[in-house]
Amino acid sequence: MAYQTLQQEYLQIPVVTRAYTTACVLTTAAVQLEIITPFQLYFNPDLILRNYQVMMKCMYRYCRMLEEGSFRGRTADFVFMFLFGGLLMTIFGTFVSLVFLGQAFTIMLVYVWSRRNPNVRMNFFGLLNFQAPFLPWVLMGFSLLLGNSIIVDLLGIAVGHVYFFLEDVFPNQPGGGRWLKTPSIIKMLFDTPEEDANYNPLPEERPGGFAWGEGQRLGG
């Protein structure tokens, strides 16, 4: 019975978030079980041991809220954001000699969500209150306290800002236009005309839900 409940909850996670979260968990498990070596994935075990829990929760939570919120019914556009962000991050990463970009990708997701939800109030470990757009910078400060390089976080913020600007800001400016267009092949592969009747989205206005932070909309 418990297995069926867990399976049902797992299948209710939107497809892109489910695939990405599963890949992250399986990859980490394979490294820890020494099925593959960290060097095969340019993986940093020390970074993961110190930062794994917070970043994994961030990745799952904000990836899911994006897919269920502003990308609801736009799976192809969400996949295209992954591809665009991953490509840009890889290009930028070569100039700063970064070989592990998973944390930067998570920060990118957080950045896009935070800019699209500017009125959400956040709480960090019950000590710090701020609005959502400051969340990536707070996470960068947390990373700095752990002794990690902030270059990874800055890369994620930079790529997230490029995507947000091209997708949300520039098209609404006088003389602006939409430069990011999801290729038709991706739309054909990922967009479906019908909604899943059993779909159970997480409310985008509740970005907390785990130990380090909670949020609520202003005036709510």
Protein backbone atom coordinates (compact mmCIF):
# COMPACT_ATOMS: atom_id res chain seq x y z
CA MET A 1 0.00 0.00 0.00
CA ALA A 2 2.81 2.37 0.90
CA TYR A 3 4.60 1.45 -2.32
CA GLN A 4 1.50 2.23 -4.38
CA THR A 5 1.10 5.59 -2.66
CA LEU A 6 4.76 6.43 -3.30
CA GLN A 7 4.43 5.36 -6.91
CA GLN A 8 1.33 7.48 -7.37
CA GLU A 9 3.04 10.53 -5.87
CA TYR A 10 6.07 9.98 -8.10
CA LEU A 11 3.95 9.74 -11.24
CA GLN A 12 2.16 12.98 -10.33
CA ILE A 13 5.44 14.92 -10.59
CA PRO A 14 5.50 16.73 -13.96
CA VAL A 15 7.52 14.90 -16.59
CA VAL A 16 10.56 17.18 -16.95
CA THR A 17 11.02 17.64 -13.19
CA ARG A 18 10.54 13.89 -12.67
CA ALA A 19 13.14 13.00 -15.29
CA TYR A 20 15.70 15.55 -14.11
CA THR A 21 15.28 14.73 -10.40
CA THR A 22 15.52 11.00 -11.08
CA ALA A 23 18.68 11.50 -13.13
CA CYS A 24 20.27 13.58 -10.37
CA VAL A 25 19.43 11.02 -7.65
CA LEU A 26 20.58 8.02 -9.71
CA THR A 27 23.81 9.75 -10.73
CA THR A 28 24.63 10.65 -7.14
CA ALA A 29 23.81 7.12 -5.95
CA ALA A 30 26.00 5.58 -8.67
CA VAL A 31 28.96 7.70 -7.58
CA GLN A 32 28.50 6.96 -3.89
CA LEU A 33 28.19 3.21 -4.60
CA GLU A 34 31.34 3.45 -6.75
CA ILE A 35 29.56 2.10 -9.80
CA ILE A 36 31.11 5.01 -11.67
CA THR A 37 33.90 7.31 -10.61
CA PRO A 38 33.59 11.04 -9.95
CA PHE A 39 36.15 11.74 -12.65
CA GLN A 40 33.90 10.20 -15.29
CA LEU A 41 31.29 12.87 -14.55
CA TYR A 42 33.58 15.70 -13.48
CA PHE A 43 31.84 15.25 -10.15
CA ASN A 44 32.98 16.87 -6.87
CA PRO A 45 32.03 14.58 -3.94
CA ASP A 46 33.24 17.05 -1.30
CA LEU A 47 30.98 19.76 -2.71
CA ILE A 48 28.04 17.38 -2.79
CA LEU A 49 28.57 16.11 0.77
CA ARG A 50 28.53 19.70 2.09
CA ASN A 51 25.86 21.14 -0.17
CA TYR A 52 23.85 18.14 -1.45
CA GLN A 53 20.71 18.34 0.70
CA VAL A 54 20.00 22.04 0.20
CA MET A 55 20.76 22.07 -3.51
CA MET A 56 18.82 18.87 -4.25
CA LYS A 57 15.75 20.27 -2.50
CA CYS A 58 16.16 23.56 -4.36
CA MET A 59 16.47 21.77 -7.67
CA TYR A 60 13.38 19.61 -7.13
CA ARG A 61 11.24 22.30 -5.55
CA TYR A 62 11.83 25.15 -7.98
CA CYS A 63 12.05 22.97 -11.05
CA ARG A 64 8.65 21.54 -10.19
CA MET A 65 7.11 24.92 -9.39
CA LEU A 66 8.34 26.33 -12.70
CA GLU A 67 6.91 23.39 -14.62
CA GLU A 68 3.59 23.58 -12.77
CA GLY A 69 3.48 27.38 -12.81
CA SER A 70 4.71 29.58 -15.65
CA PHE A 71 5.51 26.53 -17.84
CA ARG A 72 2.20 24.79 -17.17
CA GLY A 73 1.09 23.20 -20.46
CA ARG A 74 4.37 24.31 -22.10
CA THR A 75 6.57 21.26 -21.66
CA ALA A 76 8.43 21.90 -24.91
CA ASP A 77 9.29 25.45 -23.82
CA PHE A 78 10.51 24.10 -20.48
CA VAL A 79 12.74 21.53 -22.20
CA PHE A 80 14.05 24.27 -24.48
CA MET A 81 14.95 26.36 -21.41
CA PHE A 82 16.97 23.36 -20.14
CA LEU A 83 18.77 23.05 -23.47
CA PHE A 84 19.41 26.77 -23.81
CA GLY A 85 20.59 27.12 -20.22
CA GLY A 86 22.76 24.01 -20.40
CA LEU A 87 24.42 25.11 -23.65
CA LEU A 88 25.06 28.66 -22.45
CA MET A 89 26.36 27.39 -19.12
CA THR A 90 28.74 24.98 -20.81
CA ILE A 91 30.11 27.74 -23.03
CA PHE A 92 30.55 30.17 -20.14
CA GLY A 93 31.97 27.41 -17.92
CA THR A 94 34.88 26.81 -20.28
CA PHE A 95 36.12 30.36 -19.72
CA VAL A 96 36.23 29.99 -15.93
CA SER A 97 37.47 26.37 -15.92
CA LEU A 98 34.38 24.90 -14.24
CA VAL A 99 33.90 21.17 -14.65
CA PHE A 100 30.84 20.64 -12.42
CA LEU A 101 27.80 22.70 -13.41
CA GLY A 102 24.92 20.97 -11.59
CA GLN A 103 24.76 23.56 -8.82
CA ALA A 104 24.92 26.40 -11.35
CA PHE A 105 21.98 24.86 -13.22
CA THR A 106 19.96 24.69 -10.00
CA ILE A 107 20.70 28.36 -9.30
CA MET A 108 19.52 29.17 -12.82
CA LEU A 109 16.16 27.50 -12.12
CA VAL A 110 15.87 29.34 -8.81
CA TYR A 111 16.72 32.65 -10.49
CA VAL A 112 14.06 32.30 -13.21
CA TRP A 113 11.41 31.28 -10.66
CA SER A 114 12.33 34.12 -8.30
CA ARG A 115 12.13 36.77 -11.02
CA ARG A 116 8.73 35.51 -12.13
CA ASN A 117 7.42 35.60 -8.56
CA PRO A 118 8.74 38.94 -7.24
CA ASN A 119 6.03 39.39 -4.59
CA VAL A 120 6.66 36.14 -2.75
CA ARG A 121 8.13 36.59 0.74
CA MET A 122 10.83 34.13 1.73
CA ASN A 123 12.20 33.01 5.09
CA PHE A 124 15.68 31.50 5.35
CA PHE A 125 16.15 29.15 8.33
CA GLY A 126 13.78 31.34 10.33
CA LEU A 127 16.44 34.06 10.52
CA LEU A 128 16.19 36.14 7.37
CA ASN A 129 13.12 37.51 5.60
CA PHE A 130 13.30 38.78 2.05
CA GLN A 131 11.45 38.83 -1.26
CA ALA A 132 11.91 36.09 -3.83
CA PRO A 133 14.26 37.96 -6.25
CA PHE A 134 16.91 37.98 -3.51
CA LEU A 135 16.81 34.17 -3.11
CA PRO A 136 19.65 33.35 -5.56
CA TRP A 137 21.90 35.84 -3.79
CA VAL A 138 21.01 34.43 -0.37
CA LEU A 139 21.88 30.93 -1.62
CA MET A 140 25.17 32.29 -2.95
CA GLY A 141 25.93 33.72 0.49
CA PHE A 142 25.07 30.34 2.04
CA SER A 143 27.43 28.65 -0.40
CA LEU A 144 30.15 31.13 0.55
CA LEU A 145 29.66 30.32 4.25
CA LEU A 146 30.23 26.65 3.41
CA GLY A 147 33.55 27.58 1.88
CA ASN A 148 32.51 26.95 -1.73
CA SER A 149 33.49 29.09 -4.69
CA ILE A 150 30.78 31.59 -5.63
CA ILE A 151 31.81 31.40 -9.29
CA VAL A 152 29.39 28.49 -9.75
CA ASP A 153 26.51 30.48 -8.26
CA LEU A 154 27.39 33.57 -10.28
CA LEU A 155 27.37 31.49 -13.45
CA GLY A 156 23.88 30.17 -12.65
CA ILE A 157 22.63 33.68 -11.90
CA ALA A 158 24.15 35.02 -15.12
CA VAL A 159 22.62 32.32 -17.32
CA GLY A 160 19.27 32.64 -15.53
CA HIS A 161 19.31 36.40 -16.11
CA VAL A 162 20.11 35.99 -19.81
CA TYR A 163 17.14 33.62 -20.21
CA PHE A 164 14.80 35.80 -18.16
CA PHE A 165 15.80 38.94 -20.07
CA LEU A 166 15.38 37.36 -23.52
CA GLU A 167 12.13 35.58 -22.63
CA ASP A 168 10.34 37.96 -20.24
CA VAL A 169 11.87 41.43 -20.50
CA PHE A 170 13.10 42.19 -24.02
CA PRO A 171 9.93 41.05 -25.88
CA ASN A 172 7.91 43.62 -23.87
CA GLN A 173 10.25 46.54 -24.55
CA PRO A 174 9.53 49.13 -27.30
CA GLY A 175 11.09 47.72 -30.44
CA GLY A 176 11.81 44.45 -28.69
CA GLY A 177 11.01 41.00 -29.95
CA ARG A 178 11.13 37.35 -29.02
CA TRP A 179 14.53 35.88 -29.81
CA LEU A 180 14.02 32.58 -28.02
CA LYS A 181 11.67 30.37 -29.97
CA THR A 182 11.23 26.71 -29.18
CA PRO A 183 12.05 24.62 -32.29
CA SER A 184 9.06 22.89 -33.82
CA ILE A 185 10.73 19.48 -33.44
CA ILE A 186 10.84 19.93 -29.66
CA LYS A 187 7.19 21.06 -29.62
CA MET A 188 6.21 18.01 -31.64
CA LEU A 189 8.04 15.69 -29.22
CA PHE A 190 6.96 17.17 -25.88
CA ASP A 191 3.75 19.16 -26.20
CA THR A 192 0.51 17.21 -25.77
CA PRO A 193 -2.97 18.60 -26.45
CA GLU A 194 -4.62 17.01 -23.41
CA GLU A 195 -4.15 17.67 -19.69
CA ASP A 196 -3.61 14.82 -17.24
CA ALA A 197 -6.76 14.45 -15.13
CA ASN A 198 -4.71 13.12 -12.20
CA TYR A 199 -2.26 16.04 -12.27
CA ASN A 200 -1.70 17.43 -8.77
CA PRO A 201 0.40 20.64 -8.96
CA LEU A 202 2.26 22.23 -6.09
CA PRO A 203 0.97 25.78 -5.48
CA GLU A 204 3.56 28.17 -6.91
CA GLU A 205 2.84 30.74 -4.22
CA ARG A 206 4.19 28.39 -1.52
CA PRO A 207 7.91 28.18 -2.27
CA GLY A 208 8.83 26.93 1.18
CA GLY A 209 7.75 23.56 2.48
CA PHE A 210 11.09 22.34 3.75
CA ALA A 211 13.32 23.26 6.63
CA TRP A 212 15.36 26.13 5.30
CA GLY A 213 12.70 28.44 3.91
CA GLU A 214 9.06 29.30 3.53
CA GLY A 215 7.26 31.94 1.56
CA GLN A 216 3.98 33.71 1.08
CA ARG A 217 2.70 36.35 -1.31
CA LEU A 218 2.52 39.91 -0.09
CA GLY A 219 -1.00 40.93 0.78
CA GLY A 220 -2.03 37.27 1.03
